[in-house]
Amino acid sequence: MSYAQVNGNWGQVREIAVDEHDALEGNVHEYTYEYLMYVMLADTKLISSPPSGAREATHRYNVIVTLVPYFNWAFWGKDDGRTLSPWSNYLWHLRSELGDEYTDKLVSTMLRTFIDTPLEGENDKFDIYFCQHLRTAFGVVDNGSKKWSDVLQGLGSEPAAAVCPAS
């Protein structure tokens, strides 16, 4: 059973919703976006139980609005520009710098770290929290082919790289 907060109340997640305009226009990107949103809400432990507090709830939301666009773009092989989080763009830039296969595996592993250890690297600032999970995923994925400094540079954003651990 999965839960999401709607209008301040926790309730069971039950359906995927694509608006009529997208359905009539045949916007297939919207279908995969909504399916990914459903998977993130219903099939991961990110929303399988109410969070322990407001900060954790905010971090969960930010993880979802960052990773759903990235995975949708990765599926279609192009950025459609629709994101609420600059981290989606940073990850997409990283993908162009370090390659599809490596970055997709890195981001997928990072999602696993959010699911398995959501409180790891807990910090009031989402950027720091997110980047600590990225660093953990790098430690799992890297086989010596890349350096952490390559990842930081590949993000394409000095402010983003500045909040990440140096090593």
N, C-alpha and C. Protein backbone atom coordinates (compact mmCIF):
# COMPACT_ATOMS: atom_id res chain seq x y z
N MET A 1 0.85 -1.18 0.00
CA MET A 1 0.00 0.00 0.00
C MET A 1 0.90 1.24 0.00
N SER A 2 0.60 2.21 -0.84
CA SER A 2 1.39 3.42 -0.94
C SER A 2 0.55 4.64 -0.59
N TYR A 3 1.22 5.64 -0.08
CA TYR A 3 0.53 6.84 0.37
C TYR A 3 1.19 8.08 -0.20
N ALA A 4 0.39 9.11 -0.39
CA ALA A 4 0.90 10.43 -0.80
C ALA A 4 0.07 11.48 -0.08
N GLN A 5 0.67 12.63 0.11
CA GLN A 5 -0.05 13.70 0.79
C GLN A 5 -0.78 14.56 -0.23
N VAL A 6 -2.09 14.71 -0.02
CA VAL A 6 -2.92 15.53 -0.88
C VAL A 6 -3.72 16.46 0.02
N ASN A 7 -3.60 17.76 -0.21
CA ASN A 7 -4.30 18.75 0.60
C ASN A 7 -4.08 18.54 2.10
N GLY A 8 -2.84 18.20 2.46
CA GLY A 8 -2.50 18.04 3.87
C GLY A 8 -2.88 16.70 4.48
N ASN A 9 -3.52 15.82 3.71
CA ASN A 9 -3.94 14.53 4.24
C ASN A 9 -3.22 13.40 3.50
N TRP A 10 -2.84 12.38 4.23
CA TRP A 10 -2.20 11.22 3.62
C TRP A 10 -3.29 10.30 3.09
N GLY A 11 -3.12 9.84 1.85
CA GLY A 11 -4.11 8.96 1.25
C GLY A 11 -3.45 7.97 0.32
N GLN A 12 -4.15 6.93 -0.02
CA GLN A 12 -3.62 5.88 -0.87
C GLN A 12 -3.52 6.36 -2.32
N VAL A 13 -2.40 6.03 -2.97
CA VAL A 13 -2.18 6.36 -4.38
C VAL A 13 -2.82 5.26 -5.21
N ARG A 14 -3.68 5.63 -6.15
CA ARG A 14 -4.43 4.61 -6.88
C ARG A 14 -4.36 4.69 -8.39
N GLU A 15 -4.10 5.83 -8.99
CA GLU A 15 -4.24 5.90 -10.44
C GLU A 15 -3.23 6.82 -11.10
N ILE A 16 -3.09 6.64 -12.39
CA ILE A 16 -2.25 7.50 -13.22
C ILE A 16 -3.19 8.44 -13.96
N ALA A 17 -2.89 9.72 -13.96
CA ALA A 17 -3.78 10.69 -14.60
C ALA A 17 -3.05 11.46 -15.69
N VAL A 18 -3.53 11.36 -16.91
CA VAL A 18 -3.03 12.16 -18.03
C VAL A 18 -4.18 13.05 -18.46
N ASP A 19 -3.91 14.35 -18.57
CA ASP A 19 -5.03 15.24 -18.88
C ASP A 19 -5.53 15.05 -20.31
N GLU A 20 -6.74 15.48 -20.55
CA GLU A 20 -7.42 15.26 -21.83
C GLU A 20 -6.65 15.87 -23.01
N HIS A 21 -6.09 17.06 -22.81
CA HIS A 21 -5.34 17.72 -23.88
C HIS A 21 -4.18 16.85 -24.35
N ASP A 22 -3.39 16.33 -23.39
CA ASP A 22 -2.25 15.49 -23.76
C ASP A 22 -2.71 14.21 -24.44
N ALA A 23 -3.82 13.64 -23.97
CA ALA A 23 -4.35 12.43 -24.59
C ALA A 23 -4.77 12.70 -26.03
N LEU A 24 -5.48 13.80 -26.25
CA LEU A 24 -5.96 14.13 -27.60
C LEU A 24 -4.81 14.51 -28.54
N GLU A 25 -3.78 15.15 -27.99
CA GLU A 25 -2.63 15.55 -28.79
C GLU A 25 -1.64 14.41 -29.02
N GLY A 26 -1.85 13.30 -28.32
CA GLY A 26 -0.93 12.17 -28.47
C GLY A 26 0.44 12.43 -27.88
N ASN A 27 0.47 13.20 -26.81
CA ASN A 27 1.74 13.54 -26.16
C ASN A 27 2.26 12.33 -25.39
N VAL A 28 2.99 11.47 -26.07
CA VAL A 28 3.47 10.24 -25.46
C VAL A 28 4.47 10.52 -24.34
N HIS A 29 5.17 11.63 -24.41
CA HIS A 29 6.11 11.99 -23.35
C HIS A 29 5.36 12.18 -22.03
N GLU A 30 4.15 12.71 -22.12
CA GLU A 30 3.34 12.93 -20.92
C GLU A 30 2.91 11.59 -20.31
N TYR A 31 2.64 10.61 -21.13
CA TYR A 31 2.26 9.30 -20.61
C TYR A 31 3.40 8.69 -19.80
N THR A 32 4.60 8.73 -20.36
CA THR A 32 5.73 8.15 -19.63
C THR A 32 6.05 8.98 -18.39
N TYR A 33 5.90 10.30 -18.48
CA TYR A 33 6.13 11.16 -17.32
C TYR A 33 5.17 10.77 -16.20
N GLU A 34 3.90 10.64 -16.51
CA GLU A 34 2.91 10.30 -15.49
C GLU A 34 3.12 8.88 -14.96
N TYR A 35 3.53 7.97 -15.83
CA TYR A 35 3.82 6.62 -15.36
C TYR A 35 5.00 6.62 -14.39
N LEU A 36 6.05 7.36 -14.74
CA LEU A 36 7.20 7.48 -13.85
C LEU A 36 6.80 8.10 -12.52
N MET A 37 5.94 9.10 -12.57
CA MET A 37 5.46 9.73 -11.34
C MET A 37 4.72 8.70 -10.49
N TYR A 38 3.89 7.89 -11.15
CA TYR A 38 3.16 6.84 -10.45
C TYR A 38 4.13 5.85 -9.80
N VAL A 39 5.13 5.43 -10.55
CA VAL A 39 6.10 4.47 -10.02
C VAL A 39 6.81 5.06 -8.81
N MET A 40 7.22 6.31 -8.92
CA MET A 40 7.91 6.95 -7.80
C MET A 40 7.00 7.07 -6.58
N LEU A 41 5.74 7.35 -6.80
CA LEU A 41 4.81 7.51 -5.68
C LEU A 41 4.32 6.18 -5.13
N ALA A 42 4.06 5.23 -6.01
CA ALA A 42 3.40 4.00 -5.59
C ALA A 42 4.34 2.82 -5.38
N ASP A 43 5.36 2.72 -6.19
CA ASP A 43 6.18 1.51 -6.18
C ASP A 43 7.53 1.64 -5.52
N THR A 44 7.87 2.80 -5.00
CA THR A 44 9.12 2.93 -4.26
C THR A 44 8.77 3.20 -2.80
N LYS A 45 9.73 2.99 -1.97
CA LYS A 45 9.52 3.24 -0.54
C LYS A 45 9.61 4.73 -0.22
N LEU A 46 9.85 5.55 -1.23
CA LEU A 46 9.89 6.99 -0.97
C LEU A 46 8.58 7.49 -0.39
N ILE A 47 7.47 6.88 -0.82
CA ILE A 47 6.16 7.32 -0.36
C ILE A 47 5.38 6.14 0.24
N SER A 48 6.06 5.11 0.65
CA SER A 48 5.34 3.94 1.17
C SER A 48 4.81 4.15 2.58
N SER A 49 5.31 5.16 3.26
CA SER A 49 4.81 5.48 4.60
C SER A 49 4.98 6.98 4.82
N PRO A 50 4.21 7.54 5.71
CA PRO A 50 4.35 8.97 5.97
C PRO A 50 5.76 9.29 6.48
N PRO A 51 6.31 10.42 6.08
CA PRO A 51 7.65 10.79 6.53
C PRO A 51 7.66 11.14 8.01
N SER A 52 8.86 11.14 8.59
CA SER A 52 8.99 11.40 10.02
C SER A 52 8.82 12.88 10.35
N GLY A 53 8.96 13.75 9.38
CA GLY A 53 8.81 15.17 9.64
C GLY A 53 8.74 15.98 8.36
N ALA A 54 8.59 17.29 8.53
CA ALA A 54 8.43 18.19 7.37
C ALA A 54 9.66 18.18 6.47
N ARG A 55 10.85 18.16 7.06
CA ARG A 55 12.07 18.17 6.24
C ARG A 55 12.14 16.92 5.38
N GLU A 56 11.87 15.76 5.97
CA GLU A 56 11.91 14.52 5.20
C GLU A 56 10.86 14.54 4.09
N ALA A 57 9.67 15.06 4.37
CA ALA A 57 8.62 15.16 3.35
C ALA A 57 9.07 16.06 2.20
N THR A 58 9.69 17.18 2.53
CA THR A 58 10.18 18.11 1.50
C THR A 58 11.28 17.46 0.68
N HIS A 59 12.19 16.76 1.33
CA HIS A 59 13.26 16.08 0.60
C HIS A 59 12.70 15.00 -0.32
N ARG A 60 11.73 14.23 0.15
CA ARG A 60 11.11 13.21 -0.70
C ARG A 60 10.49 13.84 -1.94
N TYR A 61 9.76 14.91 -1.74
CA TYR A 61 9.13 15.62 -2.85
C TYR A 61 10.20 16.09 -3.84
N ASN A 62 11.26 16.69 -3.33
CA ASN A 62 12.32 17.21 -4.21
C ASN A 62 13.03 16.10 -4.97
N VAL A 63 13.23 14.96 -4.34
CA VAL A 63 13.84 13.82 -5.02
C VAL A 63 12.95 13.40 -6.20
N ILE A 64 11.66 13.31 -5.95
CA ILE A 64 10.72 12.89 -6.99
C ILE A 64 10.69 13.88 -8.14
N VAL A 65 10.57 15.17 -7.84
CA VAL A 65 10.47 16.15 -8.94
C VAL A 65 11.80 16.35 -9.65
N THR A 66 12.88 15.83 -9.08
CA THR A 66 14.18 15.86 -9.76
C THR A 66 14.36 14.63 -10.64
N LEU A 67 14.06 13.46 -10.11
CA LEU A 67 14.37 12.23 -10.83
C LEU A 67 13.34 11.84 -11.88
N VAL A 68 12.08 12.16 -11.68
CA VAL A 68 11.07 11.82 -12.69
C VAL A 68 11.39 12.47 -14.04
N PRO A 69 11.65 13.78 -14.10
CA PRO A 69 12.00 14.35 -15.41
C PRO A 69 13.27 13.72 -16.00
N TYR A 70 14.29 13.50 -15.15
CA TYR A 70 15.52 12.91 -15.67
C TYR A 70 15.25 11.55 -16.31
N PHE A 71 14.55 10.67 -15.60
CA PHE A 71 14.28 9.34 -16.16
C PHE A 71 13.41 9.42 -17.41
N ASN A 72 12.47 10.37 -17.45
CA ASN A 72 11.65 10.53 -18.65
C ASN A 72 12.51 10.99 -19.82
N TRP A 73 13.38 11.95 -19.59
CA TRP A 73 14.28 12.43 -20.64
C TRP A 73 15.19 11.30 -21.11
N ALA A 74 15.69 10.51 -20.15
CA ALA A 74 16.59 9.41 -20.50
C ALA A 74 15.85 8.37 -21.36
N PHE A 75 14.58 8.11 -21.05
CA PHE A 75 13.80 7.16 -21.82
C PHE A 75 13.66 7.63 -23.27
N TRP A 76 13.36 8.91 -23.46
CA TRP A 76 13.13 9.45 -24.80
C TRP A 76 14.41 9.95 -25.47
N GLY A 77 15.48 10.06 -24.71
CA GLY A 77 16.76 10.51 -25.27
C GLY A 77 16.84 11.99 -25.52
N LYS A 78 15.95 12.76 -24.88
CA LYS A 78 16.03 14.22 -25.04
C LYS A 78 15.34 14.91 -23.87
N ASP A 79 15.85 16.07 -23.58
CA ASP A 79 15.32 16.93 -22.52
C ASP A 79 14.13 17.70 -23.07
N ASP A 80 12.97 17.54 -22.43
CA ASP A 80 11.80 18.28 -22.91
C ASP A 80 11.63 19.61 -22.17
N GLY A 81 12.58 19.93 -21.29
CA GLY A 81 12.56 21.22 -20.61
C GLY A 81 11.62 21.32 -19.43
N ARG A 82 10.87 20.26 -19.17
CA ARG A 82 9.86 20.32 -18.10
C ARG A 82 10.44 19.76 -16.80
N THR A 83 10.79 20.65 -15.90
CA THR A 83 11.28 20.23 -14.59
C THR A 83 11.06 21.34 -13.58
N LEU A 84 10.92 20.94 -12.34
CA LEU A 84 10.79 21.91 -11.25
C LEU A 84 12.10 22.06 -10.49
N SER A 85 13.06 21.22 -10.81
CA SER A 85 14.31 21.18 -10.06
C SER A 85 15.50 21.41 -10.98
N PRO A 86 16.40 22.31 -10.60
CA PRO A 86 17.60 22.49 -11.42
C PRO A 86 18.47 21.24 -11.44
N TRP A 87 18.33 20.38 -10.42
CA TRP A 87 19.14 19.16 -10.39
C TRP A 87 18.82 18.24 -11.55
N SER A 88 17.61 18.27 -12.08
CA SER A 88 17.30 17.47 -13.27
C SER A 88 18.20 17.91 -14.42
N ASN A 89 18.35 19.22 -14.57
CA ASN A 89 19.21 19.75 -15.63
C ASN A 89 20.68 19.42 -15.39
N TYR A 90 21.12 19.51 -14.13
CA TYR A 90 22.51 19.18 -13.82
C TYR A 90 22.80 17.71 -14.15
N LEU A 91 21.87 16.83 -13.79
CA LEU A 91 22.06 15.41 -14.10
C LEU A 91 22.05 15.16 -15.60
N TRP A 92 21.19 15.90 -16.31
CA TRP A 92 21.14 15.74 -17.76
C TRP A 92 22.45 16.22 -18.40
N HIS A 93 23.00 17.29 -17.88
CA HIS A 93 24.29 17.77 -18.37
C HIS A 93 25.37 16.73 -18.08
N LEU A 94 25.33 16.14 -16.90
CA LEU A 94 26.27 15.09 -16.53
C LEU A 94 26.18 13.93 -17.51
N ARG A 95 24.97 13.60 -17.93
CA ARG A 95 24.75 12.52 -18.90
C ARG A 95 25.43 12.84 -20.23
N SER A 96 25.34 14.10 -20.65
CA SER A 96 25.99 14.48 -21.91
C SER A 96 27.51 14.46 -21.79
N GLU A 97 28.02 14.68 -20.59
CA GLU A 97 29.46 14.71 -20.37
C GLU A 97 30.06 13.32 -20.14
N LEU A 98 29.39 12.50 -19.35
CA LEU A 98 29.97 11.20 -18.95
C LEU A 98 29.34 10.01 -19.66
N GLY A 99 28.31 10.26 -20.46
CA GLY A 99 27.70 9.18 -21.22
C GLY A 99 26.41 8.67 -20.60
N ASP A 100 25.56 8.16 -21.48
CA ASP A 100 24.23 7.69 -21.08
C ASP A 100 24.31 6.52 -20.09
N GLU A 101 25.05 5.50 -20.48
CA GLU A 101 25.07 4.28 -19.68
C GLU A 101 25.58 4.55 -18.26
N TYR A 102 26.70 5.24 -18.16
CA TYR A 102 27.29 5.51 -16.85
C TYR A 102 26.35 6.38 -15.99
N THR A 103 25.85 7.46 -16.55
CA THR A 103 25.03 8.39 -15.77
C THR A 103 23.69 7.78 -15.40
N ASP A 104 23.08 7.04 -16.31
CA ASP A 104 21.81 6.39 -15.98
C ASP A 104 22.00 5.39 -14.83
N LYS A 105 23.10 4.66 -14.85
CA LYS A 105 23.38 3.72 -13.77
C LYS A 105 23.64 4.49 -12.47
N LEU A 106 24.36 5.59 -12.55
CA LEU A 106 24.64 6.42 -11.38
C LEU A 106 23.36 6.96 -10.77
N VAL A 107 22.47 7.49 -11.60
CA VAL A 107 21.22 8.08 -11.11
C VAL A 107 20.29 6.98 -10.57
N SER A 108 20.25 5.84 -11.22
CA SER A 108 19.44 4.73 -10.73
C SER A 108 19.94 4.24 -9.37
N THR A 109 21.25 4.18 -9.23
CA THR A 109 21.84 3.79 -7.94
C THR A 109 21.55 4.84 -6.88
N MET A 110 21.57 6.10 -7.28
CA MET A 110 21.24 7.16 -6.33
C MET A 110 19.79 7.02 -5.86
N LEU A 111 18.88 6.70 -6.76
CA LEU A 111 17.49 6.46 -6.36
C LEU A 111 17.44 5.34 -5.33
N ARG A 112 18.20 4.29 -5.56
CA ARG A 112 18.25 3.18 -4.61
C ARG A 112 18.72 3.65 -3.23
N THR A 113 19.71 4.57 -3.20
CA THR A 113 20.18 5.07 -1.89
C THR A 113 19.10 5.88 -1.19
N PHE A 114 18.31 6.63 -1.94
CA PHE A 114 17.21 7.38 -1.33
C PHE A 114 16.18 6.43 -0.74
N ILE A 115 15.93 5.31 -1.43
CA ILE A 115 14.94 4.34 -0.96
C ILE A 115 15.48 3.58 0.25
N ASP A 116 16.72 3.10 0.14
CA ASP A 116 17.29 2.27 1.20
C ASP A 116 17.67 3.05 2.45
N THR A 117 18.22 4.24 2.26
CA THR A 117 18.72 5.01 3.41
C THR A 117 18.30 6.48 3.26
N PRO A 118 17.01 6.75 3.37
CA PRO A 118 16.53 8.12 3.11
C PRO A 118 17.07 9.17 4.08
N LEU A 119 17.47 8.75 5.27
CA LEU A 119 17.96 9.73 6.24
C LEU A 119 19.47 9.92 6.18
N GLU A 120 20.14 9.15 5.32
CA GLU A 120 21.58 9.31 5.17
C GLU A 120 21.89 10.71 4.65
N GLY A 121 22.87 11.33 5.26
CA GLY A 121 23.27 12.66 4.80
C GLY A 121 22.23 13.72 5.04
N GLU A 122 21.35 13.47 6.00
CA GLU A 122 20.26 14.41 6.27
C GLU A 122 20.83 15.80 6.53
N ASN A 123 20.22 16.76 5.89
CA ASN A 123 20.66 18.15 5.99
C ASN A 123 19.46 19.03 5.71
N ASP A 124 19.42 20.19 6.32
CA ASP A 124 18.32 21.12 6.06
C ASP A 124 18.28 21.57 4.60
N LYS A 125 19.43 21.63 3.98
CA LYS A 125 19.51 22.10 2.58
C LYS A 125 19.43 20.90 1.64
N PHE A 126 18.43 20.93 0.75
CA PHE A 126 18.23 19.82 -0.17
C PHE A 126 19.45 19.60 -1.07
N ASP A 127 20.07 20.67 -1.54
CA ASP A 127 21.23 20.53 -2.44
C ASP A 127 22.31 19.66 -1.81
N ILE A 128 22.60 19.91 -0.55
CA ILE A 128 23.63 19.15 0.15
C ILE A 128 23.18 17.70 0.32
N TYR A 129 21.95 17.52 0.77
CA TYR A 129 21.38 16.18 0.95
C TYR A 129 21.44 15.39 -0.36
N PHE A 130 21.01 16.01 -1.46
CA PHE A 130 20.97 15.36 -2.77
C PHE A 130 22.38 14.97 -3.21
N CYS A 131 23.30 15.89 -3.06
CA CYS A 131 24.66 15.64 -3.53
C CYS A 131 25.36 14.57 -2.69
N GLN A 132 25.02 14.48 -1.41
CA GLN A 132 25.61 13.41 -0.59
C GLN A 132 25.13 12.04 -1.08
N HIS A 133 23.89 11.96 -1.52
CA HIS A 133 23.40 10.69 -2.09
C HIS A 133 24.04 10.42 -3.45
N LEU A 134 24.29 11.47 -4.21
CA LEU A 134 25.00 11.30 -5.48
C LEU A 134 26.40 10.76 -5.22
N ARG A 135 27.07 11.27 -4.21
CA ARG A 135 28.42 10.81 -3.85
C ARG A 135 28.39 9.35 -3.41
N THR A 136 27.39 8.98 -2.63
CA THR A 136 27.26 7.58 -2.20
C THR A 136 27.06 6.67 -3.41
N ALA A 137 26.20 7.08 -4.33
CA ALA A 137 25.96 6.29 -5.55
C ALA A 137 27.24 6.18 -6.37
N PHE A 138 28.00 7.24 -6.46
CA PHE A 138 29.27 7.22 -7.19
C PHE A 138 30.19 6.15 -6.59
N GLY A 139 30.24 6.07 -5.27
CA GLY A 139 31.07 5.08 -4.61
C GLY A 139 30.66 3.65 -4.94
N VAL A 140 29.37 3.44 -5.19
CA VAL A 140 28.86 2.11 -5.54
C VAL A 140 29.12 1.80 -7.01
N VAL A 141 28.87 2.77 -7.88
CA VAL A 141 28.93 2.55 -9.33
C VAL A 141 30.35 2.57 -9.89
N ASP A 142 31.18 3.46 -9.36
CA ASP A 142 32.48 3.68 -9.97
C ASP A 142 33.37 2.45 -9.86
N ASN A 143 33.99 2.13 -10.97
CA ASN A 143 34.95 1.02 -11.00
C ASN A 143 36.34 1.52 -11.36
N GLY A 144 36.58 2.78 -11.05
CA GLY A 144 37.88 3.36 -11.36
C GLY A 144 37.92 4.06 -12.71
N SER A 145 36.81 3.98 -13.46
CA SER A 145 36.80 4.59 -14.79
C SER A 145 36.57 6.10 -14.74
N LYS A 146 35.99 6.56 -13.66
CA LYS A 146 35.71 7.99 -13.52
C LYS A 146 36.25 8.48 -12.18
N LYS A 147 36.45 9.78 -12.10
CA LYS A 147 36.86 10.40 -10.85
C LYS A 147 35.70 11.25 -10.35
N TRP A 148 35.60 11.39 -9.04
CA TRP A 148 34.54 12.22 -8.46
C TRP A 148 34.63 13.63 -9.03
N SER A 149 35.84 14.12 -9.27
CA SER A 149 36.00 15.47 -9.84
C SER A 149 35.39 15.53 -11.25
N ASP A 150 35.41 14.41 -11.99
CA ASP A 150 34.75 14.36 -13.31
C ASP A 150 33.25 14.53 -13.16
N VAL A 151 32.69 13.91 -12.13
CA VAL A 151 31.25 14.02 -11.88
C VAL A 151 30.91 15.46 -11.53
N LEU A 152 31.67 16.05 -10.62
CA LEU A 152 31.40 17.43 -10.21
C LEU A 152 31.48 18.38 -11.40
N GLN A 153 32.49 18.22 -12.21
CA GLN A 153 32.64 19.07 -13.40
C GLN A 153 31.52 18.79 -14.40
N GLY A 154 31.13 17.53 -14.53
CA GLY A 154 30.10 17.14 -15.48
C GLY A 154 28.73 17.68 -15.16
N LEU A 155 28.50 18.06 -13.89
CA LEU A 155 27.20 18.64 -13.52
C LEU A 155 26.94 19.95 -14.26
N GLY A 156 28.03 20.62 -14.68
CA GLY A 156 27.87 21.85 -15.46
C GLY A 156 27.38 23.03 -14.65
N SER A 157 27.53 22.96 -13.34
CA SER A 157 27.06 24.05 -12.49
C SER A 157 28.02 24.22 -11.32
N GLU A 158 28.66 25.37 -11.26
CA GLU A 158 29.55 25.63 -10.13
C GLU A 158 28.82 25.63 -8.80
N PRO A 159 27.64 26.28 -8.70
CA PRO A 159 26.93 26.23 -7.41
C PRO A 159 26.56 24.81 -6.98
N ALA A 160 26.17 23.97 -7.92
CA ALA A 160 25.82 22.59 -7.58
C ALA A 160 27.07 21.84 -7.11
N ALA A 161 28.15 21.96 -7.84
CA ALA A 161 29.39 21.28 -7.48
C ALA A 161 29.92 21.79 -6.14
N ALA A 162 29.69 23.05 -5.83
CA ALA A 162 30.20 23.65 -4.58
C ALA A 162 29.55 23.03 -3.34
N VAL A 163 28.33 22.55 -3.43
CA VAL A 163 27.66 21.97 -2.26
C VAL A 163 27.99 20.49 -2.10
N CYS A 164 28.63 19.90 -3.11
CA CYS A 164 28.96 18.48 -3.05
C CYS A 164 30.26 18.27 -2.27
N PRO A 165 30.36 17.11 -1.61
CA PRO A 165 31.61 16.82 -0.90
C PRO A 165 32.76 16.79 -1.89
N ALA A 166 33.91 17.29 -1.47
CA ALA A 166 35.08 17.38 -2.36
C ALA A 166 35.65 16.02 -2.72
N SER A 167 35.51 15.06 -1.86
CA SER A 167 36.06 13.73 -2.17
C SER A 167 35.16 12.63 -1.66
